[in-house]
Amino acid sequence: MRRMLVIGASLLALTLAPPVLAKDARCFTTDDGTYPCQFTRLDGSGSFRIAAPGKPTFEVWIESEGRAFASGQFEAGGRSVSLPGTYTRSDKDRACWVSDATDTEICAW
């Protein structure tokens, strides 16, 4: 009986969970320039992941309005590394986030 409850609860959770869909986008990072990428929304706050073959995968986690922290995975299967500084939303382009420590930009359109 307990096993059936666990299976039922798991199926219900999968049914109710919103699908994570990557969308085609155009991305820019200071080190890699502009390139086609996949954009995935990570939560309701606007956090996101950008990924592309042959490029690092970046995640930008929104902490509060206009402030975020970022990480990068620089090789497939490698560990995610925190990027320095706090990222703030760019005043020039709202699709971009800029590190206050390095001026590095991560953008997705």
PDB file of N, CA and C in Angstrom:
ATOM      1  N   MET A   1       0.820  -1.199   0.000  1.00  0.00           N
ATOM      2  CA  MET A   1       0.000   0.000   0.000  1.00  0.00           C
ATOM      3  C   MET A   1       0.870   1.271   0.000  1.00  0.00           C
ATOM      4  N   ARG A   2       1.883   1.254   0.865  1.00  0.00           N
ATOM      5  CA  ARG A   2       2.765   2.426   0.945  1.00  0.00           C
ATOM      6  C   ARG A   2       3.456   2.670  -0.399  1.00  0.00           C
ATOM      7  N   ARG A   3       3.870   1.593  -1.044  1.00  0.00           N
ATOM      8  CA  ARG A   3       4.538   1.719  -2.334  1.00  0.00           C
ATOM      9  C   ARG A   3       3.604   2.366  -3.355  1.00  0.00           C
ATOM     10  N   MET A   4       2.353   1.997  -3.359  1.00  0.00           N
ATOM     11  CA  MET A   4       1.386   2.573  -4.291  1.00  0.00           C
ATOM     12  C   MET A   4       1.188   4.063  -4.019  1.00  0.00           C
ATOM     13  N   LEU A   5       1.184   4.459  -2.762  1.00  0.00           N
ATOM     14  CA  LEU A   5       1.051   5.872  -2.415  1.00  0.00           C
ATOM     15  C   LEU A   5       2.249   6.677  -2.925  1.00  0.00           C
ATOM     16  N   VAL A   6       3.463   6.126  -2.761  1.00  0.00           N
ATOM     17  CA  VAL A   6       4.670   6.807  -3.219  1.00  0.00           C
ATOM     18  C   VAL A   6       4.645   6.942  -4.741  1.00  0.00           C
ATOM     19  N   ILE A   7       4.278   5.874  -5.432  1.00  0.00           N
ATOM     20  CA  ILE A   7       4.207   5.924  -6.890  1.00  0.00           C
ATOM     21  C   ILE A   7       3.147   6.921  -7.334  1.00  0.00           C
ATOM     22  N   GLY A   8       1.977   6.896  -6.696  1.00  0.00           N
ATOM     23  CA  GLY A   8       0.903   7.828  -7.038  1.00  0.00           C
ATOM     24  C   GLY A   8       1.310   9.271  -6.809  1.00  0.00           C
ATOM     25  N   ALA A   9       1.971   9.536  -5.674  1.00  0.00           N
ATOM     26  CA  ALA A   9       2.415  10.896  -5.369  1.00  0.00           C
ATOM     27  C   ALA A   9       3.466  11.360  -6.379  1.00  0.00           C
ATOM     28  N   SER A  10       4.369  10.467  -6.777  1.00  0.00           N
ATOM     29  CA  SER A  10       5.398  10.807  -7.754  1.00  0.00           C
ATOM     30  C   SER A  10       4.776  11.144  -9.106  1.00  0.00           C
ATOM     31  N   LEU A  11       3.805  10.347  -9.528  1.00  0.00           N
ATOM     32  CA  LEU A  11       3.135  10.612 -10.802  1.00  0.00           C
ATOM     33  C   LEU A  11       2.371  11.922 -10.761  1.00  0.00           C
ATOM     34  N   LEU A  12       1.721  12.207  -9.651  1.00  0.00           N
ATOM     35  CA  LEU A  12       0.994  13.467  -9.497  1.00  0.00           C
ATOM     36  C   LEU A  12       1.955  14.654  -9.571  1.00  0.00           C
ATOM     37  N   ALA A  13       3.104  14.538  -8.901  1.00  0.00           N
ATOM     38  CA  ALA A  13       4.084  15.624  -8.921  1.00  0.00           C
ATOM     39  C   ALA A  13       4.591  15.866 -10.341  1.00  0.00           C
ATOM     40  N   LEU A  14       4.848  14.798 -11.089  1.00  0.00           N
ATOM     41  CA  LEU A  14       5.307  14.960 -12.466  1.00  0.00           C
ATOM     42  C   LEU A  14       4.230  15.588 -13.341  1.00  0.00           C
ATOM     43  N   THR A  15       2.990  15.267 -13.082  1.00  0.00           N
ATOM     44  CA  THR A  15       1.881  15.810 -13.858  1.00  0.00           C
ATOM     45  C   THR A  15       1.702  17.301 -13.583  1.00  0.00           C
ATOM     46  N   LEU A  16       1.864  17.714 -12.341  1.00  0.00           N
ATOM     47  CA  LEU A  16       1.631  19.099 -11.959  1.00  0.00           C
ATOM     48  C   LEU A  16       2.828  20.006 -12.218  1.00  0.00           C
ATOM     49  N   ALA A  17       4.028  19.437 -12.314  1.00  0.00           N
ATOM     50  CA  ALA A  17       5.224  20.250 -12.520  1.00  0.00           C
ATOM     51  C   ALA A  17       5.207  20.854 -13.918  1.00  0.00           C
ATOM     52  N   PRO A  18       5.495  22.148 -14.016  1.00  0.00           N
ATOM     53  CA  PRO A  18       5.529  22.764 -15.348  1.00  0.00           C
ATOM     54  C   PRO A  18       6.723  22.229 -16.132  1.00  0.00           C
ATOM     55  N   PRO A  19       6.574  22.058 -17.428  1.00  0.00           N
ATOM     56  CA  PRO A  19       7.696  21.558 -18.219  1.00  0.00           C
ATOM     57  C   PRO A  19       8.789  22.615 -18.327  1.00  0.00           C
ATOM     58  N   VAL A  20      10.024  22.156 -18.302  1.00  0.00           N
ATOM     59  CA  VAL A  20      11.155  23.050 -18.504  1.00  0.00           C
ATOM     60  C   VAL A  20      11.476  23.004 -19.989  1.00  0.00           C
ATOM     61  N   LEU A  21      11.254  24.108 -20.648  1.00  0.00           N
ATOM     62  CA  LEU A  21      11.453  24.162 -22.086  1.00  0.00           C
ATOM     63  C   LEU A  21      12.559  25.149 -22.418  1.00  0.00           C
ATOM     64  N   ALA A  22      13.533  24.667 -23.141  1.00  0.00           N
ATOM     65  CA  ALA A  22      14.576  25.560 -23.635  1.00  0.00           C
ATOM     66  C   ALA A  22      14.068  26.218 -24.905  1.00  0.00           C
ATOM     67  N   LYS A  23      14.370  27.484 -25.055  1.00  0.00           N
ATOM     68  CA  LYS A  23      13.949  28.228 -26.243  1.00  0.00           C
ATOM     69  C   LYS A  23      15.179  28.719 -26.988  1.00  0.00           C
ATOM     70  N   ASP A  24      15.063  28.765 -28.308  1.00  0.00           N
ATOM     71  CA  ASP A  24      16.149  29.320 -29.105  1.00  0.00           C
ATOM     72  C   ASP A  24      16.302  30.798 -28.773  1.00  0.00           C
ATOM     73  N   ALA A  25      17.541  31.224 -28.626  1.00  0.00           N
ATOM     74  CA  ALA A  25      17.818  32.618 -28.289  1.00  0.00           C
ATOM     75  C   ALA A  25      19.150  33.023 -28.923  1.00  0.00           C
ATOM     76  N   ARG A  26      19.451  34.281 -28.761  1.00  0.00           N
ATOM     77  CA  ARG A  26      20.756  34.816 -29.145  1.00  0.00           C
ATOM     78  C   ARG A  26      21.403  35.277 -27.854  1.00  0.00           C
ATOM     79  N   CYS A  27      22.625  34.827 -27.612  1.00  0.00           N
ATOM     80  CA  CYS A  27      23.304  35.144 -26.364  1.00  0.00           C
ATOM     81  C   CYS A  27      24.579  35.918 -26.627  1.00  0.00           C
ATOM     82  N   PHE A  28      25.038  36.590 -25.581  1.00  0.00           N
ATOM     83  CA  PHE A  28      26.302  37.304 -25.615  1.00  0.00           C
ATOM     84  C   PHE A  28      26.960  37.140 -24.260  1.00  0.00           C
ATOM     85  N   THR A  29      28.247  36.823 -24.278  1.00  0.00           N
ATOM     86  CA  THR A  29      29.059  36.905 -23.070  1.00  0.00           C
ATOM     87  C   THR A  29      30.336  37.647 -23.450  1.00  0.00           C
ATOM     88  N   THR A  30      30.918  38.304 -22.499  1.00  0.00           N
ATOM     89  CA  THR A  30      32.104  39.104 -22.757  1.00  0.00           C
ATOM     90  C   THR A  30      33.214  38.272 -23.393  1.00  0.00           C
ATOM     91  N   ASP A  31      33.409  37.044 -22.915  1.00  0.00           N
ATOM     92  CA  ASP A  31      34.497  36.201 -23.428  1.00  0.00           C
ATOM     93  C   ASP A  31      34.172  35.510 -24.749  1.00  0.00           C
ATOM     94  N   ASP A  32      32.892  35.244 -25.017  1.00  0.00           N
ATOM     95  CA  ASP A  32      32.517  34.436 -26.182  1.00  0.00           C
ATOM     96  C   ASP A  32      31.848  35.216 -27.303  1.00  0.00           C
ATOM     97  N   GLY A  33      31.507  36.472 -27.080  1.00  0.00           N
ATOM     98  CA  GLY A  33      30.817  37.249 -28.104  1.00  0.00           C
ATOM     99  C   GLY A  33      29.366  36.821 -28.246  1.00  0.00           C
ATOM    100  N   THR A  34      28.778  37.077 -29.414  1.00  0.00           N
ATOM    101  CA  THR A  34      27.375  36.758 -29.683  1.00  0.00           C
ATOM    102  C   THR A  34      27.292  35.408 -30.384  1.00  0.00           C
ATOM    103  N   TYR A  35      26.322  34.587 -29.961  1.00  0.00           N
ATOM    104  CA  TYR A  35      26.165  33.253 -30.535  1.00  0.00           C
ATOM    105  C   TYR A  35      24.735  32.754 -30.307  1.00  0.00           C
ATOM    106  N   PRO A  36      24.276  31.815 -31.162  1.00  0.00           N
ATOM    107  CA  PRO A  36      22.956  31.213 -30.932  1.00  0.00           C
ATOM    108  C   PRO A  36      23.029  30.297 -29.714  1.00  0.00           C
ATOM    109  N   CYS A  37      21.970  30.272 -28.917  1.00  0.00           N
ATOM    110  CA  CYS A  37      21.996  29.480 -27.686  1.00  0.00           C
ATOM    111  C   CYS A  37      20.594  28.978 -27.357  1.00  0.00           C
ATOM    112  N   GLN A  38      20.527  28.192 -26.311  1.00  0.00           N
ATOM    113  CA  GLN A  38      19.264  27.741 -25.737  1.00  0.00           C
ATOM    114  C   GLN A  38      19.074  28.471 -24.415  1.00  0.00           C
ATOM    115  N   PHE A  39      17.908  29.065 -24.231  1.00  0.00           N
ATOM    116  CA  PHE A  39      17.561  29.821 -23.030  1.00  0.00           C
ATOM    117  C   PHE A  39      16.538  29.005 -22.252  1.00  0.00           C
ATOM    118  N   THR A  40      16.812  28.754 -20.973  1.00  0.00           N
ATOM    119  CA  THR A  40      15.887  28.022 -20.121  1.00  0.00           C
ATOM    120  C   THR A  40      15.594  28.853 -18.882  1.00  0.00           C
ATOM    121  N   ARG A  41      14.337  29.111 -18.640  1.00  0.00           N
ATOM    122  CA  ARG A  41      13.921  29.814 -17.426  1.00  0.00           C
ATOM    123  C   ARG A  41      13.998  28.831 -16.269  1.00  0.00           C
ATOM    124  N   LEU A  42      14.566  29.255 -15.137  1.00  0.00           N
ATOM    125  CA  LEU A  42      14.782  28.351 -14.017  1.00  0.00           C
ATOM    126  C   LEU A  42      13.778  28.489 -12.891  1.00  0.00           C
ATOM    127  N   ASP A  43      13.164  29.650 -12.758  1.00  0.00           N
ATOM    128  CA  ASP A  43      12.194  29.844 -11.681  1.00  0.00           C
ATOM    129  C   ASP A  43      11.292  31.034 -11.997  1.00  0.00           C
ATOM    130  N   GLY A  44      10.390  31.335 -11.092  1.00  0.00           N
ATOM    131  CA  GLY A  44       9.454  32.432 -11.287  1.00  0.00           C
ATOM    132  C   GLY A  44      10.056  33.812 -11.080  1.00  0.00           C
ATOM    133  N   SER A  45      11.287  33.878 -10.592  1.00  0.00           N
ATOM    134  CA  SER A  45      11.937  35.171 -10.348  1.00  0.00           C
ATOM    135  C   SER A  45      12.660  35.711 -11.574  1.00  0.00           C
ATOM    136  N   GLY A  46      12.769  34.879 -12.609  1.00  0.00           N
ATOM    137  CA  GLY A  46      13.467  35.302 -13.814  1.00  0.00           C
ATOM    138  C   GLY A  46      14.859  34.715 -13.957  1.00  0.00           C
ATOM    139  N   SER A  47      15.262  33.855 -13.021  1.00  0.00           N
ATOM    140  CA  SER A  47      16.556  33.184 -13.143  1.00  0.00           C
ATOM    141  C   SER A  47      16.563  32.364 -14.422  1.00  0.00           C
ATOM    142  N   PHE A  48      17.755  32.232 -15.031  1.00  0.00           N
ATOM    143  CA  PHE A  48      17.809  31.534 -16.310  1.00  0.00           C
ATOM    144  C   PHE A  48      19.152  30.851 -16.530  1.00  0.00           C
ATOM    145  N   ARG A  49      19.162  29.959 -17.521  1.00  0.00           N
ATOM    146  CA  ARG A  49      20.370  29.258 -17.966  1.00  0.00           C
ATOM    147  C   ARG A  49      20.508  29.477 -19.463  1.00  0.00           C
ATOM    148  N   ILE A  50      21.729  29.726 -19.915  1.00  0.00           N
ATOM    149  CA  ILE A  50      21.994  29.753 -21.349  1.00  0.00           C
ATOM    150  C   ILE A  50      23.039  28.684 -21.647  1.00  0.00           C
ATOM    151  N   ALA A  51      22.841  27.988 -22.766  1.00  0.00           N
ATOM    152  CA  ALA A  51      23.749  26.913 -23.141  1.00  0.00           C
ATOM    153  C   ALA A  51      23.849  26.833 -24.659  1.00  0.00           C
ATOM    154  N   ALA A  52      25.019  26.430 -25.129  1.00  0.00           N
ATOM    155  CA  ALA A  52      25.255  26.243 -26.569  1.00  0.00           C
ATOM    156  C   ALA A  52      26.422  25.281 -26.728  1.00  0.00           C
ATOM    157  N   PRO A  53      26.381  24.453 -27.766  1.00  0.00           N
ATOM    158  CA  PRO A  53      27.500  23.547 -28.013  1.00  0.00           C
ATOM    159  C   PRO A  53      28.815  24.321 -28.164  1.00  0.00           C
ATOM    160  N   GLY A  54      29.845  23.833 -27.493  1.00  0.00           N
ATOM    161  CA  GLY A  54      31.156  24.457 -27.594  1.00  0.00           C
ATOM    162  C   GLY A  54      31.335  25.727 -26.782  1.00  0.00           C
ATOM    163  N   LYS A  55      30.316  26.106 -26.016  1.00  0.00           N
ATOM    164  CA  LYS A  55      30.380  27.317 -25.182  1.00  0.00           C
ATOM    165  C   LYS A  55      30.117  26.920 -23.725  1.00  0.00           C
ATOM    166  N   PRO A  56      30.582  27.737 -22.779  1.00  0.00           N
ATOM    167  CA  PRO A  56      30.229  27.471 -21.385  1.00  0.00           C
ATOM    168  C   PRO A  56      28.719  27.603 -21.174  1.00  0.00           C
ATOM    169  N   THR A  57      28.206  26.911 -20.186  1.00  0.00           N
ATOM    170  CA  THR A  57      26.816  27.059 -19.774  1.00  0.00           C
ATOM    171  C   THR A  57      26.796  28.015 -18.586  1.00  0.00           C
ATOM    172  N   PHE A  58      25.954  29.035 -18.662  1.00  0.00           N
ATOM    173  CA  PHE A  58      25.867  30.021 -17.587  1.00  0.00           C
ATOM    174  C   PHE A  58      24.487  29.980 -16.951  1.00  0.00           C
ATOM    175  N   GLU A  59      24.456  30.153 -15.639  1.00  0.00           N
ATOM    176  CA  GLU A  59      23.200  30.323 -14.910  1.00  0.00           C
ATOM    177  C   GLU A  59      23.247  31.652 -14.178  1.00  0.00           C
ATOM    178  N   VAL A  60      22.170  32.387 -14.274  1.00  0.00           N
ATOM    179  CA  VAL A  60      22.024  33.663 -13.572  1.00  0.00           C
ATOM    180  C   VAL A  60      20.844  33.491 -12.620  1.00  0.00           C
ATOM    181  N   TRP A  61      21.132  33.591 -11.322  1.00  0.00           N
ATOM    182  CA  TRP A  61      20.106  33.390 -10.288  1.00  0.00           C
ATOM    183  C   TRP A  61      19.730  34.737  -9.693  1.00  0.00           C
ATOM    184  N   ILE A  62      18.491  35.141  -9.896  1.00  0.00           N
ATOM    185  CA  ILE A  62      17.999  36.423  -9.402  1.00  0.00           C
ATOM    186  C   ILE A  62      17.825  36.340  -7.888  1.00  0.00           C
ATOM    187  N   GLU A  63      18.480  37.270  -7.196  1.00  0.00           N
ATOM    188  CA  GLU A  63      18.371  37.324  -5.737  1.00  0.00           C
ATOM    189  C   GLU A  63      17.290  38.320  -5.310  1.00  0.00           C
ATOM    190  N   SER A  64      17.264  39.458  -5.971  1.00  0.00           N
ATOM    191  CA  SER A  64      16.264  40.488  -5.707  1.00  0.00           C
ATOM    192  C   SER A  64      16.150  41.329  -6.971  1.00  0.00           C
ATOM    193  N   GLU A  65      15.249  42.264  -6.973  1.00  0.00           N
ATOM    194  CA  GLU A  65      15.022  43.101  -8.157  1.00  0.00           C
ATOM    195  C   GLU A  65      16.336  43.705  -8.657  1.00  0.00           C
ATOM    196  N   GLY A  66      16.767  43.308  -9.859  1.00  0.00           N
ATOM    197  CA  GLY A  66      17.958  43.877 -10.474  1.00  0.00           C
ATOM    198  C   GLY A  66      19.284  43.357  -9.958  1.00  0.00           C
ATOM    199  N   ARG A  67      19.277  42.358  -9.057  1.00  0.00           N
ATOM    200  CA  ARG A  67      20.514  41.803  -8.487  1.00  0.00           C
ATOM    201  C   ARG A  67      20.508  40.286  -8.632  1.00  0.00           C
ATOM    202  N   ALA A  68      21.673  39.734  -9.014  1.00  0.00           N
ATOM    203  CA  ALA A  68      21.758  38.297  -9.240  1.00  0.00           C
ATOM    204  C   ALA A  68      23.175  37.799  -8.973  1.00  0.00           C
ATOM    205  N   PHE A  69      23.281  36.496  -8.892  1.00  0.00           N
ATOM    206  CA  PHE A  69      24.563  35.813  -8.823  1.00  0.00           C
ATOM    207  C   PHE A  69      24.645  34.890 -10.014  1.00  0.00           C
ATOM    208  N   ALA A  70      25.858  34.639 -10.508  1.00  0.00           N
ATOM    209  CA  ALA A  70      26.005  33.822 -11.705  1.00  0.00           C
ATOM    210  C   ALA A  70      27.037  32.725 -11.485  1.00  0.00           C
ATOM    211  N   SER A  71      26.881  31.663 -12.283  1.00  0.00           N
ATOM    212  CA  SER A  71      27.844  30.582 -12.270  1.00  0.00           C
ATOM    213  C   SER A  71      28.053  30.116 -13.702  1.00  0.00           C
ATOM    214  N   GLY A  72      29.160  29.426 -13.918  1.00  0.00           N
ATOM    215  CA  GLY A  72      29.460  28.910 -15.241  1.00  0.00           C
ATOM    216  C   GLY A  72      29.984  27.494 -15.159  1.00  0.00           C
ATOM    217  N   GLN A  73      29.621  26.705 -16.142  1.00  0.00           N
ATOM    218  CA  GLN A  73      30.158  25.356 -16.299  1.00  0.00           C
ATOM    219  C   GLN A  73      30.968  25.412 -17.592  1.00  0.00           C
ATOM    220  N   PHE A  74      32.275  25.264 -17.473  1.00  0.00           N
ATOM    221  CA  PHE A  74      33.152  25.547 -18.598  1.00  0.00           C
ATOM    222  C   PHE A  74      33.524  24.334 -19.441  1.00  0.00           C
ATOM    223  N   GLU A  75      33.175  23.135 -18.980  1.00  0.00           N
ATOM    224  CA  GLU A  75      33.363  21.937 -19.795  1.00  0.00           C
ATOM    225  C   GLU A  75      32.231  20.964 -19.491  1.00  0.00           C
ATOM    226  N   ALA A  76      31.816  20.237 -20.510  1.00  0.00           N
ATOM    227  CA  ALA A  76      30.706  19.292 -20.351  1.00  0.00           C
ATOM    228  C   ALA A  76      31.018  18.321 -19.215  1.00  0.00           C
ATOM    229  N   GLY A  77      30.069  18.176 -18.320  1.00  0.00           N
ATOM    230  CA  GLY A  77      30.248  17.280 -17.181  1.00  0.00           C
ATOM    231  C   GLY A  77      31.090  17.863 -16.066  1.00  0.00           C
ATOM    232  N   GLY A  78      31.632  19.066 -16.273  1.00  0.00           N
ATOM    233  CA  GLY A  78      32.446  19.713 -15.249  1.00  0.00           C
ATOM    234  C   GLY A  78      31.574  20.330 -14.170  1.00  0.00           C
ATOM    235  N   ARG A  79      32.219  20.788 -13.141  1.00  0.00           N
ATOM    236  CA  ARG A  79      31.457  21.395 -12.047  1.00  0.00           C
ATOM    237  C   ARG A  79      31.134  22.847 -12.358  1.00  0.00           C
ATOM    238  N   SER A  80      30.093  23.329 -11.733  1.00  0.00           N
ATOM    239  CA  SER A  80      29.674  24.711 -11.888  1.00  0.00           C
ATOM    240  C   SER A  80      30.524  25.581 -10.956  1.00  0.00           C
ATOM    241  N   VAL A  81      31.011  26.699 -11.476  1.00  0.00           N
ATOM    242  CA  VAL A  81      31.890  27.589 -10.727  1.00  0.00           C
ATOM    243  C   VAL A  81      31.196  28.926 -10.545  1.00  0.00           C
ATOM    244  N   SER A  82      31.163  29.421  -9.313  1.00  0.00           N
ATOM    245  CA  SER A  82      30.587  30.745  -9.059  1.00  0.00           C
ATOM    246  C   SER A  82      31.433  31.808  -9.743  1.00  0.00           C
ATOM    247  N   LEU A  83      30.775  32.763 -10.370  1.00  0.00           N
ATOM    248  CA  LEU A  83      31.476  33.865 -11.012  1.00  0.00           C
ATOM    249  C   LEU A  83      31.577  35.023 -10.032  1.00  0.00           C
ATOM    250  N   PRO A  84      32.681  35.786 -10.078  1.00  0.00           N
ATOM    251  CA  PRO A  84      32.891  36.839  -9.082  1.00  0.00           C
ATOM    252  C   PRO A  84      31.899  37.991  -9.180  1.00  0.00           C
ATOM    253  N   GLY A  85      31.593  38.523  -8.017  1.00  0.00           N
ATOM    254  CA  GLY A  85      30.770  39.714  -7.942  1.00  0.00           C
ATOM    255  C   GLY A  85      29.277  39.451  -7.936  1.00  0.00           C
ATOM    256  N   THR A  86      28.562  40.525  -7.756  1.00  0.00           N
ATOM    257  CA  THR A  86      27.112  40.520  -7.875  1.00  0.00           C
ATOM    258  C   THR A  86      26.800  41.026  -9.274  1.00  0.00           C
ATOM    259  N   TYR A  87      25.849  40.387  -9.924  1.00  0.00           N
ATOM    260  CA  TYR A  87      25.447  40.819 -11.268  1.00  0.00           C
ATOM    261  C   TYR A  87      24.235  41.727 -11.130  1.00  0.00           C
ATOM    262  N   THR A  88      24.296  42.857 -11.816  1.00  0.00           N
ATOM    263  CA  THR A  88      23.179  43.794 -11.816  1.00  0.00           C
ATOM    264  C   THR A  88      22.654  43.934 -13.232  1.00  0.00           C
ATOM    265  N   ARG A  89      21.377  44.199 -13.328  1.00  0.00           N
ATOM    266  CA  ARG A  89      20.755  44.359 -14.640  1.00  0.00           C
ATOM    267  C   ARG A  89      21.281  45.627 -15.301  1.00  0.00           C
ATOM    268  N   SER A  90      21.662  45.503 -16.553  1.00  0.00           N
ATOM    269  CA  SER A  90      22.218  46.630 -17.289  1.00  0.00           C
ATOM    270  C   SER A  90      21.151  47.696 -17.541  1.00  0.00           C
ATOM    271  N   ASP A  91      21.520  48.956 -17.377  1.00  0.00           N
ATOM    272  CA  ASP A  91      20.618  50.062 -17.701  1.00  0.00           C
ATOM    273  C   ASP A  91      20.519  50.250 -19.214  1.00  0.00           C
ATOM    274  N   LYS A  92      21.590  49.877 -19.942  1.00  0.00           N
ATOM    275  CA  LYS A  92      21.615  50.056 -21.401  1.00  0.00           C
ATOM    276  C   LYS A  92      20.806  48.988 -22.132  1.00  0.00           C
ATOM    277  N   ASP A  93      20.825  47.756 -21.621  1.00  0.00           N
ATOM    278  CA  ASP A  93      20.107  46.654 -22.262  1.00  0.00           C
ATOM    279  C   ASP A  93      19.585  45.724 -21.174  1.00  0.00           C
ATOM    280  N   ARG A  94      18.281  45.710 -20.963  1.00  0.00           N
ATOM    281  CA  ARG A  94      17.663  44.946 -19.868  1.00  0.00           C
ATOM    282  C   ARG A  94      17.825  43.435 -20.034  1.00  0.00           C
ATOM    283  N   ALA A  95      18.310  42.982 -21.188  1.00  0.00           N
ATOM    284  CA  ALA A  95      18.564  41.555 -21.397  1.00  0.00           C
ATOM    285  C   ALA A  95      19.952  41.153 -20.895  1.00  0.00           C
ATOM    286  N   CYS A  96      20.705  42.118 -20.384  1.00  0.00           N
ATOM    287  CA  CYS A  96      22.085  41.872 -19.964  1.00  0.00           C
ATOM    288  C   CYS A  96      22.253  42.037 -18.457  1.00  0.00           C
ATOM    289  N   TRP A  97      23.154  41.230 -17.927  1.00  0.00           N
ATOM    290  CA  TRP A  97      23.534  41.281 -16.520  1.00  0.00           C
ATOM    291  C   TRP A  97      25.038  41.493 -16.463  1.00  0.00           C
ATOM    292  N   VAL A  98      25.487  42.415 -15.586  1.00  0.00           N
ATOM    293  CA  VAL A  98      26.883  42.841 -15.550  1.00  0.00           C
ATOM    294  C   VAL A  98      27.452  42.629 -14.145  1.00  0.00           C
ATOM    295  N   SER A  99      28.641  42.017 -14.073  1.00  0.00           N
ATOM    296  CA  SER A  99      29.308  41.804 -12.792  1.00  0.00           C
ATOM    297  C   SER A  99      29.897  43.102 -12.277  1.00  0.00           C
ATOM    298  N   ASP A 100      29.649  43.395 -11.002  1.00  0.00           N
ATOM    299  CA  ASP A 100      30.234  44.608 -10.411  1.00  0.00           C
ATOM    300  C   ASP A 100      31.714  44.401 -10.078  1.00  0.00           C
ATOM    301  N   ALA A 101      32.206  43.159 -10.131  1.00  0.00           N
ATOM    302  CA  ALA A 101      33.610  42.878  -9.832  1.00  0.00           C
ATOM    303  C   ALA A 101      34.488  42.857 -11.081  1.00  0.00           C
ATOM    304  N   THR A 102      33.923  42.431 -12.218  1.00  0.00           N
ATOM    305  CA  THR A 102      34.753  42.236 -13.412  1.00  0.00           C
ATOM    306  C   THR A 102      34.224  42.926 -14.664  1.00  0.00           C
ATOM    307  N   ASP A 103      33.052  43.526 -14.593  1.00  0.00           N
ATOM    308  CA  ASP A 103      32.363  44.121 -15.763  1.00  0.00           C
ATOM    309  C   ASP A 103      31.988  43.090 -16.824  1.00  0.00           C
ATOM    310  N   THR A 104      32.060  41.802 -16.488  1.00  0.00           N
ATOM    311  CA  THR A 104      31.659  40.750 -17.402  1.00  0.00           C
ATOM    312  C   THR A 104      30.158  40.810 -17.631  1.00  0.00           C
ATOM    313  N   GLU A 105      29.730  40.653 -18.897  1.00  0.00           N
ATOM    314  CA  GLU A 105      28.310  40.675 -19.232  1.00  0.00           C
ATOM    315  C   GLU A 105      27.814  39.308 -19.660  1.00  0.00           C
ATOM    316  N   ILE A 106      26.587  38.999 -19.276  1.00  0.00           N
ATOM    317  CA  ILE A 106      25.862  37.827 -19.760  1.00  0.00           C
ATOM    318  C   ILE A 106      24.520  38.334 -20.258  1.00  0.00           C
ATOM    319  N   CYS A 107      24.228  38.094 -21.527  1.00  0.00           N
ATOM    320  CA  CYS A 107      23.000  38.608 -22.138  1.00  0.00           C
ATOM    321  C   CYS A 107      22.263  37.483 -22.866  1.00  0.00           C
ATOM    322  N   ALA A 108      20.942  37.602 -22.903  1.00  0.00           N
ATOM    323  CA  ALA A 108      20.123  36.657 -23.687  1.00  0.00           C
ATOM    324  C   ALA A 108      18.918  37.394 -24.244  1.00  0.00           C
ATOM    325  N   TRP A 109      18.722  37.270 -25.571  1.00  0.00           N
ATOM    326  CA  TRP A 109      17.578  37.886 -26.252  1.00  0.00           C
ATOM    327  C   TRP A 109      16.716  36.818 -26.876  1.00  0.00           C
TER     328      TRP A 109
END
